mmCIF file of all heavy atoms, coordinates in Angstrom:
data_MODEL
# 
_entry.id   MODEL 
# 
loop_
_atom_site.group_PDB 
_atom_site.id 
_atom_site.type_symbol 
_atom_site.label_atom_id 
_atom_site.label_alt_id 
_atom_site.label_comp_id 
_atom_site.label_asym_id 
_atom_site.label_entity_id 
_atom_site.label_seq_id 
_atom_site.pdbx_PDB_ins_code 
_atom_site.Cartn_x 
_atom_site.Cartn_y 
_atom_site.Cartn_z 
_atom_site.occupancy 
_atom_site.B_iso_or_equiv 
_atom_site.pdbx_formal_charge 
_atom_site.auth_seq_id 
_atom_site.auth_comp_id 
_atom_site.auth_asym_id 
_atom_site.auth_atom_id 
_atom_site.pdbx_PDB_model_num 
ATOM 1   N N   . LYS A 1 1  ? 0.833   -1.210  0.000   1.00 0.00 ? 1  LYS A N   1 
ATOM 2   C CA  . LYS A 1 1  ? 0.000   0.000   0.000   1.00 0.00 ? 1  LYS A CA  1 
ATOM 3   C C   . LYS A 1 1  ? 0.868   1.262   0.000   1.00 0.00 ? 1  LYS A C   1 
ATOM 4   O O   . LYS A 1 1  ? 0.514   2.266   -0.630  1.00 0.00 ? 1  LYS A O   1 
ATOM 5   C CB  . LYS A 1 1  ? -0.942  -0.022  1.204   1.00 0.00 ? 1  LYS A CB  1 
ATOM 6   C CG  . LYS A 1 1  ? -2.107  -0.995  1.033   1.00 0.00 ? 1  LYS A CG  1 
ATOM 7   C CD  . LYS A 1 1  ? -3.122  -0.875  2.149   1.00 0.00 ? 1  LYS A CD  1 
ATOM 8   C CE  . LYS A 1 1  ? -4.347  -1.770  1.856   1.00 0.00 ? 1  LYS A CE  1 
ATOM 9   N NZ  . LYS A 1 1  ? -5.354  -1.683  2.933   1.00 0.00 ? 1  LYS A NZ  1 
ATOM 10  N N   . GLY A 1 2  ? 2.018   1.197   0.696   1.00 0.00 ? 2  GLY A N   1 
ATOM 11  C CA  . GLY A 1 2  ? 2.946   2.336   0.702   1.00 0.00 ? 2  GLY A CA  1 
ATOM 12  C C   . GLY A 1 2  ? 3.490   2.605   -0.690  1.00 0.00 ? 2  GLY A C   1 
ATOM 13  O O   . GLY A 1 2  ? 3.611   3.768   -1.124  1.00 0.00 ? 2  GLY A O   1 
ATOM 14  N N   . TRP A 1 3  ? 3.828   1.514   -1.408  1.00 0.00 ? 3  TRP A N   1 
ATOM 15  C CA  . TRP A 1 3  ? 4.337   1.645   -2.778  1.00 0.00 ? 3  TRP A CA  1 
ATOM 16  C C   . TRP A 1 3  ? 3.285   2.254   -3.714  1.00 0.00 ? 3  TRP A C   1 
ATOM 17  O O   . TRP A 1 3  ? 3.581   3.143   -4.510  1.00 0.00 ? 3  TRP A O   1 
ATOM 18  C CB  . TRP A 1 3  ? 4.797   0.271   -3.277  1.00 0.00 ? 3  TRP A CB  1 
ATOM 19  C CG  . TRP A 1 3  ? 5.116   0.257   -4.743  1.00 0.00 ? 3  TRP A CG  1 
ATOM 20  C CD1 . TRP A 1 3  ? 6.191   0.823   -5.359  1.00 0.00 ? 3  TRP A CD1 1 
ATOM 21  C CD2 . TRP A 1 3  ? 4.316   -0.338  -5.776  1.00 0.00 ? 3  TRP A CD2 1 
ATOM 22  N NE1 . TRP A 1 3  ? 6.126   0.624   -6.724  1.00 0.00 ? 3  TRP A NE1 1 
ATOM 23  C CE2 . TRP A 1 3  ? 4.982   -0.093  -7.010  1.00 0.00 ? 3  TRP A CE2 1 
ATOM 24  C CE3 . TRP A 1 3  ? 3.112   -1.050  -5.786  1.00 0.00 ? 3  TRP A CE3 1 
ATOM 25  C CZ2 . TRP A 1 3  ? 4.474   -0.549  -8.233  1.00 0.00 ? 3  TRP A CZ2 1 
ATOM 26  C CZ3 . TRP A 1 3  ? 2.612   -1.502  -6.989  1.00 0.00 ? 3  TRP A CZ3 1 
ATOM 27  C CH2 . TRP A 1 3  ? 3.281   -1.244  -8.206  1.00 0.00 ? 3  TRP A CH2 1 
ATOM 28  N N   . ILE A 1 4  ? 2.029   1.784   -3.579  1.00 0.00 ? 4  ILE A N   1 
ATOM 29  C CA  . ILE A 1 4  ? 0.942   2.308   -4.425  1.00 0.00 ? 4  ILE A CA  1 
ATOM 30  C C   . ILE A 1 4  ? 0.748   3.799   -4.170  1.00 0.00 ? 4  ILE A C   1 
ATOM 31  O O   . ILE A 1 4  ? 0.608   4.598   -5.102  1.00 0.00 ? 4  ILE A O   1 
ATOM 32  C CB  . ILE A 1 4  ? -0.376  1.542   -4.174  1.00 0.00 ? 4  ILE A CB  1 
ATOM 33  C CG1 . ILE A 1 4  ? -0.246  0.080   -4.612  1.00 0.00 ? 4  ILE A CG1 1 
ATOM 34  C CG2 . ILE A 1 4  ? -1.544  2.188   -4.923  1.00 0.00 ? 4  ILE A CG2 1 
ATOM 35  C CD1 . ILE A 1 4  ? -1.409  -0.808  -4.201  1.00 0.00 ? 4  ILE A CD1 1 
ATOM 36  N N   . THR A 1 5  ? 0.783   4.155   -2.894  1.00 0.00 ? 5  THR A N   1 
ATOM 37  C CA  . THR A 1 5  ? 0.606   5.570   -2.524  1.00 0.00 ? 5  THR A CA  1 
ATOM 38  C C   . THR A 1 5  ? 1.728   6.425   -3.113  1.00 0.00 ? 5  THR A C   1 
ATOM 39  O O   . THR A 1 5  ? 1.494   7.526   -3.637  1.00 0.00 ? 5  THR A O   1 
ATOM 40  C CB  . THR A 1 5  ? 0.573   5.726   -0.981  1.00 0.00 ? 5  THR A CB  1 
ATOM 41  O OG1 . THR A 1 5  ? -0.467  4.900   -0.455  1.00 0.00 ? 5  THR A OG1 1 
ATOM 42  C CG2 . THR A 1 5  ? 0.315   7.172   -0.585  1.00 0.00 ? 5  THR A CG2 1 
ATOM 43  N N   . SER A 1 6  ? 2.941   5.892   -3.035  1.00 0.00 ? 6  SER A N   1 
ATOM 44  C CA  . SER A 1 6  ? 4.102   6.646   -3.564  1.00 0.00 ? 6  SER A CA  1 
ATOM 45  C C   . SER A 1 6  ? 4.019   6.833   -5.077  1.00 0.00 ? 6  SER A C   1 
ATOM 46  O O   . SER A 1 6  ? 4.559   7.796   -5.626  1.00 0.00 ? 6  SER A O   1 
ATOM 47  C CB  . SER A 1 6  ? 5.407   5.939   -3.193  1.00 0.00 ? 6  SER A CB  1 
ATOM 48  O OG  . SER A 1 6  ? 5.545   4.746   -3.941  1.00 0.00 ? 6  SER A OG  1 
ATOM 49  N N   . LYS A 1 7  ? 3.336   5.903   -5.749  1.00 0.00 ? 7  LYS A N   1 
ATOM 50  C CA  . LYS A 1 7  ? 3.193   5.991   -7.205  1.00 0.00 ? 7  LYS A CA  1 
ATOM 51  C C   . LYS A 1 7  ? 2.092   6.977   -7.604  1.00 0.00 ? 7  LYS A C   1 
ATOM 52  O O   . LYS A 1 7  ? 1.944   7.313   -8.777  1.00 0.00 ? 7  LYS A O   1 
ATOM 53  C CB  . LYS A 1 7  ? 2.837   4.605   -7.792  1.00 0.00 ? 7  LYS A CB  1 
ATOM 54  C CG  . LYS A 1 7  ? 3.891   3.539   -7.628  1.00 0.00 ? 7  LYS A CG  1 
ATOM 55  C CD  . LYS A 1 7  ? 5.056   3.691   -8.586  1.00 0.00 ? 7  LYS A CD  1 
ATOM 56  C CE  . LYS A 1 7  ? 4.662   3.401   -10.015 1.00 0.00 ? 7  LYS A CE  1 
ATOM 57  N NZ  . LYS A 1 7  ? 5.821   3.527   -10.939 1.00 0.00 ? 7  LYS A NZ  1 
ATOM 58  N N   . GLU A 1 8  ? 1.277   7.365   -6.577  1.00 0.00 ? 8  GLU A N   1 
ATOM 59  C CA  . GLU A 1 8  ? 0.147   8.289   -6.796  1.00 0.00 ? 8  GLU A CA  1 
ATOM 60  C C   . GLU A 1 8  ? -0.813  7.760   -7.863  1.00 0.00 ? 8  GLU A C   1 
ATOM 61  O O   . GLU A 1 8  ? -1.223  8.466   -8.786  1.00 0.00 ? 8  GLU A O   1 
ATOM 62  C CB  . GLU A 1 8  ? 0.658   9.681   -7.171  1.00 0.00 ? 8  GLU A CB  1 
ATOM 63  C CG  . GLU A 1 8  ? 1.456   10.357  -6.064  1.00 0.00 ? 8  GLU A CG  1 
ATOM 64  C CD  . GLU A 1 8  ? 1.885   11.780  -6.407  1.00 0.00 ? 8  GLU A CD  1 
ATOM 65  O OE1 . GLU A 1 8  ? 1.816   12.159  -7.601  1.00 0.00 ? 8  GLU A OE1 1 
ATOM 66  O OE2 . GLU A 1 8  ? 2.286   12.503  -5.482  1.00 0.00 ? 8  GLU A OE2 1 
ATOM 67  N N   . ILE A 1 9  ? -1.137  6.469   -7.719  1.00 0.00 ? 9  ILE A N   1 
ATOM 68  C CA  . ILE A 1 9  ? -2.134  5.851   -8.602  1.00 0.00 ? 9  ILE A CA  1 
ATOM 69  C C   . ILE A 1 9  ? -3.252  5.248   -7.750  1.00 0.00 ? 9  ILE A C   1 
ATOM 70  O O   . ILE A 1 9  ? -3.080  5.028   -6.546  1.00 0.00 ? 9  ILE A O   1 
ATOM 71  C CB  . ILE A 1 9  ? -1.509  4.743   -9.494  1.00 0.00 ? 9  ILE A CB  1 
ATOM 72  C CG1 . ILE A 1 9  ? -0.794  3.701   -8.619  1.00 0.00 ? 9  ILE A CG1 1 
ATOM 73  C CG2 . ILE A 1 9  ? -0.580  5.331   -10.532 1.00 0.00 ? 9  ILE A CG2 1 
ATOM 74  C CD1 . ILE A 1 9  ? -0.283  2.499   -9.394  1.00 0.00 ? 9  ILE A CD1 1 
ATOM 75  N N   . GLY A 1 10 ? -4.371  4.999   -8.378  1.00 0.00 ? 10 GLY A N   1 
ATOM 76  C CA  . GLY A 1 10 ? -5.497  4.405   -7.653  1.00 0.00 ? 10 GLY A CA  1 
ATOM 77  C C   . GLY A 1 10 ? -5.195  2.977   -7.232  1.00 0.00 ? 10 GLY A C   1 
ATOM 78  O O   . GLY A 1 10 ? -4.529  2.235   -7.970  1.00 0.00 ? 10 GLY A O   1 
ATOM 79  N N   . PHE A 1 11 ? -5.661  2.606   -6.066  1.00 0.00 ? 11 PHE A N   1 
ATOM 80  C CA  . PHE A 1 11 ? -5.422  1.246   -5.555  1.00 0.00 ? 11 PHE A CA  1 
ATOM 81  C C   . PHE A 1 11 ? -5.968  0.182   -6.506  1.00 0.00 ? 11 PHE A C   1 
ATOM 82  O O   . PHE A 1 11 ? -5.375  -0.884  -6.672  1.00 0.00 ? 11 PHE A O   1 
ATOM 83  C CB  . PHE A 1 11 ? -6.056  1.098   -4.162  1.00 0.00 ? 11 PHE A CB  1 
ATOM 84  C CG  . PHE A 1 11 ? -5.164  1.572   -3.046  1.00 0.00 ? 11 PHE A CG  1 
ATOM 85  C CD1 . PHE A 1 11 ? -4.995  2.933   -2.805  1.00 0.00 ? 11 PHE A CD1 1 
ATOM 86  C CD2 . PHE A 1 11 ? -4.478  0.674   -2.248  1.00 0.00 ? 11 PHE A CD2 1 
ATOM 87  C CE1 . PHE A 1 11 ? -4.164  3.391   -1.790  1.00 0.00 ? 11 PHE A CE1 1 
ATOM 88  C CE2 . PHE A 1 11 ? -3.642  1.111   -1.229  1.00 0.00 ? 11 PHE A CE2 1 
ATOM 89  C CZ  . PHE A 1 11 ? -3.485  2.473   -0.995  1.00 0.00 ? 11 PHE A CZ  1 
ATOM 90  N N   . GLY A 1 12 ? -7.112  0.474   -7.119  1.00 0.00 ? 12 GLY A N   1 
ATOM 91  C CA  . GLY A 1 12 ? -7.748  -0.504  -8.011  1.00 0.00 ? 12 GLY A CA  1 
ATOM 92  C C   . GLY A 1 12 ? -6.868  -0.900  -9.181  1.00 0.00 ? 12 GLY A C   1 
ATOM 93  O O   . GLY A 1 12 ? -6.950  -2.023  -9.689  1.00 0.00 ? 12 GLY A O   1 
ATOM 94  N N   . LYS A 1 13 ? -6.000  0.028   -9.627  1.00 0.00 ? 13 LYS A N   1 
ATOM 95  C CA  . LYS A 1 13 ? -5.133  -0.257  -10.780 1.00 0.00 ? 13 LYS A CA  1 
ATOM 96  C C   . LYS A 1 13 ? -4.117  -1.357  -10.472 1.00 0.00 ? 13 LYS A C   1 
ATOM 97  O O   . LYS A 1 13 ? -3.571  -1.985  -11.373 1.00 0.00 ? 13 LYS A O   1 
ATOM 98  C CB  . LYS A 1 13 ? -4.406  1.023   -11.209 1.00 0.00 ? 13 LYS A CB  1 
ATOM 99  C CG  . LYS A 1 13 ? -5.283  2.001   -11.964 1.00 0.00 ? 13 LYS A CG  1 
ATOM 100 C CD  . LYS A 1 13 ? -4.451  3.124   -12.557 1.00 0.00 ? 13 LYS A CD  1 
ATOM 101 C CE  . LYS A 1 13 ? -5.354  4.039   -13.410 1.00 0.00 ? 13 LYS A CE  1 
ATOM 102 N NZ  . LYS A 1 13 ? -4.576  5.153   -14.001 1.00 0.00 ? 13 LYS A NZ  1 
ATOM 103 N N   . VAL A 1 14 ? -3.836  -1.556  -9.198  1.00 0.00 ? 14 VAL A N   1 
ATOM 104 C CA  . VAL A 1 14 ? -2.884  -2.592  -8.785  1.00 0.00 ? 14 VAL A CA  1 
ATOM 105 C C   . VAL A 1 14 ? -3.609  -3.786  -8.161  1.00 0.00 ? 14 VAL A C   1 
ATOM 106 O O   . VAL A 1 14 ? -3.343  -4.954  -8.513  1.00 0.00 ? 14 VAL A O   1 
ATOM 107 C CB  . VAL A 1 14 ? -1.849  -2.025  -7.783  1.00 0.00 ? 14 VAL A CB  1 
ATOM 108 C CG1 . VAL A 1 14 ? -0.959  -3.147  -7.243  1.00 0.00 ? 14 VAL A CG1 1 
ATOM 109 C CG2 . VAL A 1 14 ? -1.018  -0.940  -8.430  1.00 0.00 ? 14 VAL A CG2 1 
ATOM 110 N N   . MET A 1 15 ? -4.524  -3.487  -7.239  1.00 0.00 ? 15 MET A N   1 
ATOM 111 C CA  . MET A 1 15 ? -5.136  -4.570  -6.451  1.00 0.00 ? 15 MET A CA  1 
ATOM 112 C C   . MET A 1 15 ? -6.011  -5.509  -7.301  1.00 0.00 ? 15 MET A C   1 
ATOM 113 O O   . MET A 1 15 ? -6.010  -6.722  -7.084  1.00 0.00 ? 15 MET A O   1 
ATOM 114 C CB  . MET A 1 15 ? -5.968  -3.987  -5.301  1.00 0.00 ? 15 MET A CB  1 
ATOM 115 C CG  . MET A 1 15 ? -5.174  -3.118  -4.332  1.00 0.00 ? 15 MET A CG  1 
ATOM 116 S SD  . MET A 1 15 ? -3.777  -3.992  -3.584  1.00 0.00 ? 15 MET A SD  1 
ATOM 117 C CE  . MET A 1 15 ? -4.614  -4.916  -2.306  1.00 0.00 ? 15 MET A CE  1 
ATOM 118 N N   . GLN A 1 16 ? -6.725  -4.961  -8.293  1.00 0.00 ? 16 GLN A N   1 
ATOM 119 C CA  . GLN A 1 16 ? -7.584  -5.821  -9.112  1.00 0.00 ? 16 GLN A CA  1 
ATOM 120 C C   . GLN A 1 16 ? -6.756  -6.732  -10.027 1.00 0.00 ? 16 GLN A C   1 
ATOM 121 O O   . GLN A 1 16 ? -7.009  -7.939  -10.077 1.00 0.00 ? 16 GLN A O   1 
ATOM 122 C CB  . GLN A 1 16 ? -8.569  -4.966  -9.936  1.00 0.00 ? 16 GLN A CB  1 
ATOM 123 C CG  . GLN A 1 16 ? -9.569  -4.164  -9.098  1.00 0.00 ? 16 GLN A CG  1 
ATOM 124 C CD  . GLN A 1 16 ? -10.598 -5.030  -8.400  1.00 0.00 ? 16 GLN A CD  1 
ATOM 125 O OE1 . GLN A 1 16 ? -10.240 -5.923  -7.616  1.00 0.00 ? 16 GLN A OE1 1 
ATOM 126 N NE2 . GLN A 1 16 ? -11.869 -4.781  -8.669  1.00 0.00 ? 16 GLN A NE2 1 
ATOM 127 N N   . PRO A 1 17 ? -5.741  -6.193  -10.733 1.00 0.00 ? 17 PRO A N   1 
ATOM 128 C CA  . PRO A 1 17 ? -4.887  -7.101  -11.520 1.00 0.00 ? 17 PRO A CA  1 
ATOM 129 C C   . PRO A 1 17 ? -4.134  -8.100  -10.640 1.00 0.00 ? 17 PRO A C   1 
ATOM 130 O O   . PRO A 1 17 ? -3.892  -9.238  -11.051 1.00 0.00 ? 17 PRO A O   1 
ATOM 131 C CB  . PRO A 1 17 ? -3.907  -6.150  -12.222 1.00 0.00 ? 17 PRO A CB  1 
ATOM 132 C CG  . PRO A 1 17 ? -4.621  -4.838  -12.270 1.00 0.00 ? 17 PRO A CG  1 
ATOM 133 C CD  . PRO A 1 17 ? -5.424  -4.777  -11.003 1.00 0.00 ? 17 PRO A CD  1 
ATOM 134 N N   . LEU A 1 18 ? -3.776  -7.673  -9.422  1.00 0.00 ? 18 LEU A N   1 
ATOM 135 C CA  . LEU A 1 18 ? -3.088  -8.586  -8.499  1.00 0.00 ? 18 LEU A CA  1 
ATOM 136 C C   . LEU A 1 18 ? -4.011  -9.740  -8.117  1.00 0.00 ? 18 LEU A C   1 
ATOM 137 O O   . LEU A 1 18 ? -3.596  -10.912 -8.112  1.00 0.00 ? 18 LEU A O   1 
ATOM 138 C CB  . LEU A 1 18 ? -2.635  -7.821  -7.252  1.00 0.00 ? 18 LEU A CB  1 
ATOM 139 C CG  . LEU A 1 18 ? -1.973  -8.646  -6.131  1.00 0.00 ? 18 LEU A CG  1 
ATOM 140 C CD1 . LEU A 1 18 ? -0.756  -9.414  -6.665  1.00 0.00 ? 18 LEU A CD1 1 
ATOM 141 C CD2 . LEU A 1 18 ? -1.590  -7.752  -4.955  1.00 0.00 ? 18 LEU A CD2 1 
ATOM 142 N N   . ARG A 1 19 ? -5.259  -9.418  -7.820  1.00 0.00 ? 19 ARG A N   1 
ATOM 143 C CA  . ARG A 1 19 ? -6.233  -10.484 -7.483  1.00 0.00 ? 19 ARG A CA  1 
ATOM 144 C C   . ARG A 1 19 ? -6.412  -11.427 -8.672  1.00 0.00 ? 19 ARG A C   1 
ATOM 145 O O   . ARG A 1 19 ? -6.463  -12.653 -8.517  1.00 0.00 ? 19 ARG A O   1 
ATOM 146 C CB  . ARG A 1 19 ? -7.570  -9.869  -7.066  1.00 0.00 ? 19 ARG A CB  1 
ATOM 147 C CG  . ARG A 1 19 ? -8.594  -10.911 -6.639  1.00 0.00 ? 19 ARG A CG  1 
ATOM 148 C CD  . ARG A 1 19 ? -9.877  -10.296 -6.113  1.00 0.00 ? 19 ARG A CD  1 
ATOM 149 N NE  . ARG A 1 19 ? -9.694  -9.651  -4.820  1.00 0.00 ? 19 ARG A NE  1 
ATOM 150 C CZ  . ARG A 1 19 ? -9.681  -10.298 -3.652  1.00 0.00 ? 19 ARG A CZ  1 
ATOM 151 N NH1 . ARG A 1 19 ? -9.815  -11.620 -3.617  1.00 0.00 ? 19 ARG A NH1 1 
ATOM 152 N NH2 . ARG A 1 19 ? -9.513  -9.633  -2.529  1.00 0.00 ? 19 ARG A NH2 1 
ATOM 153 N N   . LEU A 1 20 ? -6.521  -10.843 -9.856  1.00 0.00 ? 20 LEU A N   1 
ATOM 154 C CA  . LEU A 1 20 ? -6.679  -11.656 -11.065 1.00 0.00 ? 20 LEU A CA  1 
ATOM 155 C C   . LEU A 1 20 ? -5.476  -12.591 -11.241 1.00 0.00 ? 20 LEU A C   1 
ATOM 156 O O   . LEU A 1 20 ? -5.634  -13.768 -11.607 1.00 0.00 ? 20 LEU A O   1 
ATOM 157 C CB  . LEU A 1 20 ? -6.820  -10.733 -12.281 1.00 0.00 ? 20 LEU A CB  1 
ATOM 158 C CG  . LEU A 1 20 ? -7.288  -11.355 -13.594 1.00 0.00 ? 20 LEU A CG  1 
ATOM 159 C CD1 . LEU A 1 20 ? -8.683  -11.955 -13.459 1.00 0.00 ? 20 LEU A CD1 1 
ATOM 160 C CD2 . LEU A 1 20 ? -7.283  -10.313 -14.710 1.00 0.00 ? 20 LEU A CD2 1 
ATOM 161 N N   . SER A 1 21 ? -4.288  -12.105 -10.923 1.00 0.00 ? 21 SER A N   1 
ATOM 162 C CA  . SER A 1 21 ? -3.055  -12.907 -11.057 1.00 0.00 ? 21 SER A CA  1 
ATOM 163 C C   . SER A 1 21 ? -3.039  -14.078 -10.077 1.00 0.00 ? 21 SER A C   1 
ATOM 164 O O   . SER A 1 21 ? -2.638  -15.193 -10.417 1.00 0.00 ? 21 SER A O   1 
ATOM 165 C CB  . SER A 1 21 ? -1.826  -12.033 -10.791 1.00 0.00 ? 21 SER A CB  1 
ATOM 166 O OG  . SER A 1 21 ? -1.776  -10.939 -11.653 1.00 0.00 ? 21 SER A OG  1 
ATOM 167 N N   . LEU A 1 22 ? -3.472  -13.806 -8.850  1.00 0.00 ? 22 LEU A N   1 
ATOM 168 C CA  . LEU A 1 22 ? -3.382  -14.826 -7.793  1.00 0.00 ? 22 LEU A CA  1 
ATOM 169 C C   . LEU A 1 22 ? -4.534  -15.825 -7.825  1.00 0.00 ? 22 LEU A C   1 
ATOM 170 O O   . LEU A 1 22 ? -4.352  -17.003 -7.504  1.00 0.00 ? 22 LEU A O   1 
ATOM 171 C CB  . LEU A 1 22 ? -3.338  -14.149 -6.419  1.00 0.00 ? 22 LEU A CB  1 
ATOM 172 C CG  . LEU A 1 22 ? -2.194  -13.156 -6.159  1.00 0.00 ? 22 LEU A CG  1 
ATOM 173 C CD1 . LEU A 1 22 ? -2.246  -12.645 -4.727  1.00 0.00 ? 22 LEU A CD1 1 
ATOM 174 C CD2 . LEU A 1 22 ? -0.840  -13.796 -6.445  1.00 0.00 ? 22 LEU A CD2 1 
ATOM 175 N N   . VAL A 1 23 ? -5.731  -15.349 -8.201  1.00 0.00 ? 23 VAL A N   1 
ATOM 176 C CA  . VAL A 1 23 ? -6.947  -16.179 -8.103  1.00 0.00 ? 23 VAL A CA  1 
ATOM 177 C C   . VAL A 1 23 ? -7.439  -16.646 -9.472  1.00 0.00 ? 23 VAL A C   1 
ATOM 178 O O   . VAL A 1 23 ? -8.058  -17.703 -9.587  1.00 0.00 ? 23 VAL A O   1 
ATOM 179 C CB  . VAL A 1 23 ? -8.067  -15.392 -7.359  1.00 0.00 ? 23 VAL A CB  1 
ATOM 180 C CG1 . VAL A 1 23 ? -9.348  -16.209 -7.272  1.00 0.00 ? 23 VAL A CG1 1 
ATOM 181 C CG2 . VAL A 1 23 ? -7.601  -14.977 -5.967  1.00 0.00 ? 23 VAL A CG2 1 
ATOM 182 N N   . GLY A 1 24 ? -7.201  -15.831 -10.508 1.00 0.00 ? 24 GLY A N   1 
ATOM 183 C CA  . GLY A 1 24 ? -7.713  -16.166 -11.834 1.00 0.00 ? 24 GLY A CA  1 
ATOM 184 C C   . GLY A 1 24 ? -9.033  -15.489 -12.121 1.00 0.00 ? 24 GLY A C   1 
ATOM 185 O O   . GLY A 1 24 ? -9.563  -15.542 -13.223 1.00 0.00 ? 24 GLY A O   1 
ATOM 186 N N   . LYS A 1 25 ? -9.608  -14.856 -11.087 1.00 0.00 ? 25 LYS A N   1 
ATOM 187 C CA  . LYS A 1 25 ? -10.863 -14.111 -11.230 1.00 0.00 ? 25 LYS A CA  1 
ATOM 188 C C   . LYS A 1 25 ? -10.937 -13.090 -10.106 1.00 0.00 ? 25 LYS A C   1 
ATOM 189 O O   . LYS A 1 25 ? -10.112 -13.104 -9.175  1.00 0.00 ? 25 LYS A O   1 
ATOM 190 C CB  . LYS A 1 25 ? -12.062 -15.062 -11.180 1.00 0.00 ? 25 LYS A CB  1 
ATOM 191 C CG  . LYS A 1 25 ? -12.118 -15.960 -9.953  1.00 0.00 ? 25 LYS A CG  1 
ATOM 192 C CD  . LYS A 1 25 ? -13.227 -16.997 -10.074 1.00 0.00 ? 25 LYS A CD  1 
ATOM 193 C CE  . LYS A 1 25 ? -13.188 -17.960 -8.880  1.00 0.00 ? 25 LYS A CE  1 
ATOM 194 N NZ  . LYS A 1 25 ? -14.208 -19.015 -8.991  1.00 0.00 ? 25 LYS A NZ  1 
ATOM 195 N N   . LEU A 1 26 ? -11.910 -12.200 -10.191 1.00 0.00 ? 26 LEU A N   1 
ATOM 196 C CA  . LEU A 1 26 ? -12.035 -11.145 -9.178  1.00 0.00 ? 26 LEU A CA  1 
ATOM 197 C C   . LEU A 1 26 ? -12.925 -11.630 -8.033  1.00 0.00 ? 26 LEU A C   1 
ATOM 198 O O   . LEU A 1 26 ? -14.033 -11.151 -7.820  1.00 0.00 ? 26 LEU A O   1 
ATOM 199 C CB  . LEU A 1 26 ? -12.605 -9.869  -9.818  1.00 0.00 ? 26 LEU A CB  1 
ATOM 200 C CG  . LEU A 1 26 ? -11.752 -9.282  -10.947 1.00 0.00 ? 26 LEU A CG  1 
ATOM 201 C CD1 . LEU A 1 26 ? -12.406 -8.029  -11.510 1.00 0.00 ? 26 LEU A CD1 1 
ATOM 202 C CD2 . LEU A 1 26 ? -10.332 -8.973  -10.465 1.00 0.00 ? 26 LEU A CD2 1 
# 
């Protein structure tokens, strides 16, 4: 979360693709 904040991007831009990577679906 610290890294996302430092990038000044929305959490969804990282967390949703991350979930897709780990689970295969949202």
